[in-house]
C-alpha cells in the first residue's frame, strides 16, 4: 500500500508512538517465531532464509536468549 493511502494521524507524536509500538510487536513476534522454529529443529540458515537475513545476523540477535530459555540449538 503506497504511503499516500495510509491515513496519517493528525498529531505526529501519535504516528511515532504507533511506529514504536509496531516495532515492539514485530520484535516479540520474531522472538516467538524463531524460538518455535528452533525448538522444532530448524537450522540457523533455515531461520535466516525465512526472515530474509543472514545466518550470522539471526544467530547474533537470538542465540543468547534461546540458550537462556533452554532451547537446544543446532550447530548448522
Protein backbone atom coordinates (compact mmCIF):
# COMPACT_ATOMS: atom_id res chain seq x y z
CA UNK A 1 0.00 0.00 0.00
CA UNK A 2 1.56 3.34 -1.02
CA UNK A 3 2.18 5.79 1.80
CA UNK A 4 -0.34 8.26 0.38
CA UNK A 5 -3.11 5.71 1.02
CA UNK A 6 -2.25 5.23 4.70
CA UNK A 7 -4.11 7.78 6.80
CA UNK A 8 -1.65 9.78 8.87
CA UNK A 9 -2.53 10.72 12.44
CA UNK A 10 -3.15 14.41 12.97
CA UNK A 11 -0.53 14.56 15.73
CA UNK A 12 2.98 13.41 14.69
CA UNK A 13 3.52 12.09 18.24
CA UNK A 14 0.64 9.66 17.71
CA UNK A 15 2.15 8.41 14.46
CA UNK A 16 5.57 7.95 16.01
CA UNK A 17 4.09 6.16 19.03
CA UNK A 18 2.29 3.81 16.65
CA UNK A 19 5.53 3.06 14.80
CA UNK A 20 7.33 2.32 18.08
CA UNK A 21 4.52 0.03 19.22
CA UNK A 22 4.55 -1.84 15.91
CA UNK A 23 8.32 -2.33 16.16
CA UNK A 24 7.97 -3.77 19.66
CA UNK A 25 5.22 -6.10 18.47
CA UNK A 26 7.26 -7.18 15.44
CA UNK A 27 10.24 -7.95 17.71
CA UNK A 28 8.04 -10.01 20.04
CA UNK A 29 6.55 -11.93 17.10
CA UNK A 30 10.02 -12.58 15.69
CA UNK A 31 11.33 -13.80 19.05
CA UNK A 32 8.42 -16.22 19.43
CA UNK A 33 8.63 -17.49 15.84
CA UNK A 34 12.40 -18.01 15.97
CA UNK A 35 12.11 -19.87 19.27
CA UNK A 36 9.33 -22.05 17.87
CA UNK A 37 11.38 -22.84 14.75
CA UNK A 38 14.50 -23.69 16.73
CA UNK A 39 12.52 -25.91 19.13
CA UNK A 40 11.14 -27.66 16.02
CA UNK A 41 14.69 -28.43 14.89
CA UNK A 42 15.23 -25.73 12.28
CA UNK A 43 18.79 -24.72 11.50
CA UNK A 44 20.14 -21.17 11.67
CA UNK A 45 20.31 -20.96 7.85
CA UNK A 46 16.66 -22.02 7.56
CA UNK A 47 15.53 -19.40 10.06
CA UNK A 48 17.71 -16.75 8.43
CA UNK A 49 16.31 -17.50 4.97
CA UNK A 50 12.74 -17.32 6.25
CA UNK A 51 13.46 -13.91 7.82
CA UNK A 52 15.44 -12.61 4.84
CA UNK A 53 18.61 -12.01 6.85
CA UNK A 54 21.99 -13.69 7.19
CA UNK A 55 22.63 -16.68 9.43
CA UNK A 56 25.08 -14.57 11.39
CA UNK A 57 22.50 -11.82 11.97
CA UNK A 58 19.82 -14.17 13.26
CA UNK A 59 22.32 -16.03 15.46
CA UNK A 60 23.68 -12.80 16.95
CA UNK A 61 20.20 -11.50 17.69
CA UNK A 62 18.67 -14.65 19.17
CA UNK A 63 21.28 -17.19 20.35
CA UNK A 64 21.86 -15.90 23.90
CA UNK A 65 18.14 -15.56 24.59
CA UNK A 66 17.40 -19.04 23.24
CA UNK A 67 20.21 -20.62 25.26
CA UNK A 68 18.92 -18.88 28.39
CA UNK A 69 15.45 -20.26 27.59
CA UNK A 70 16.88 -23.79 27.45
CA UNK A 71 16.43 -24.27 23.72
CA UNK A 72 18.69 -26.98 22.24
CA UNK A 73 20.41 -25.27 19.32
CA UNK A 74 21.70 -26.98 16.20
CA UNK A 75 25.21 -26.17 15.13
CA UNK A 76 24.31 -25.74 11.45
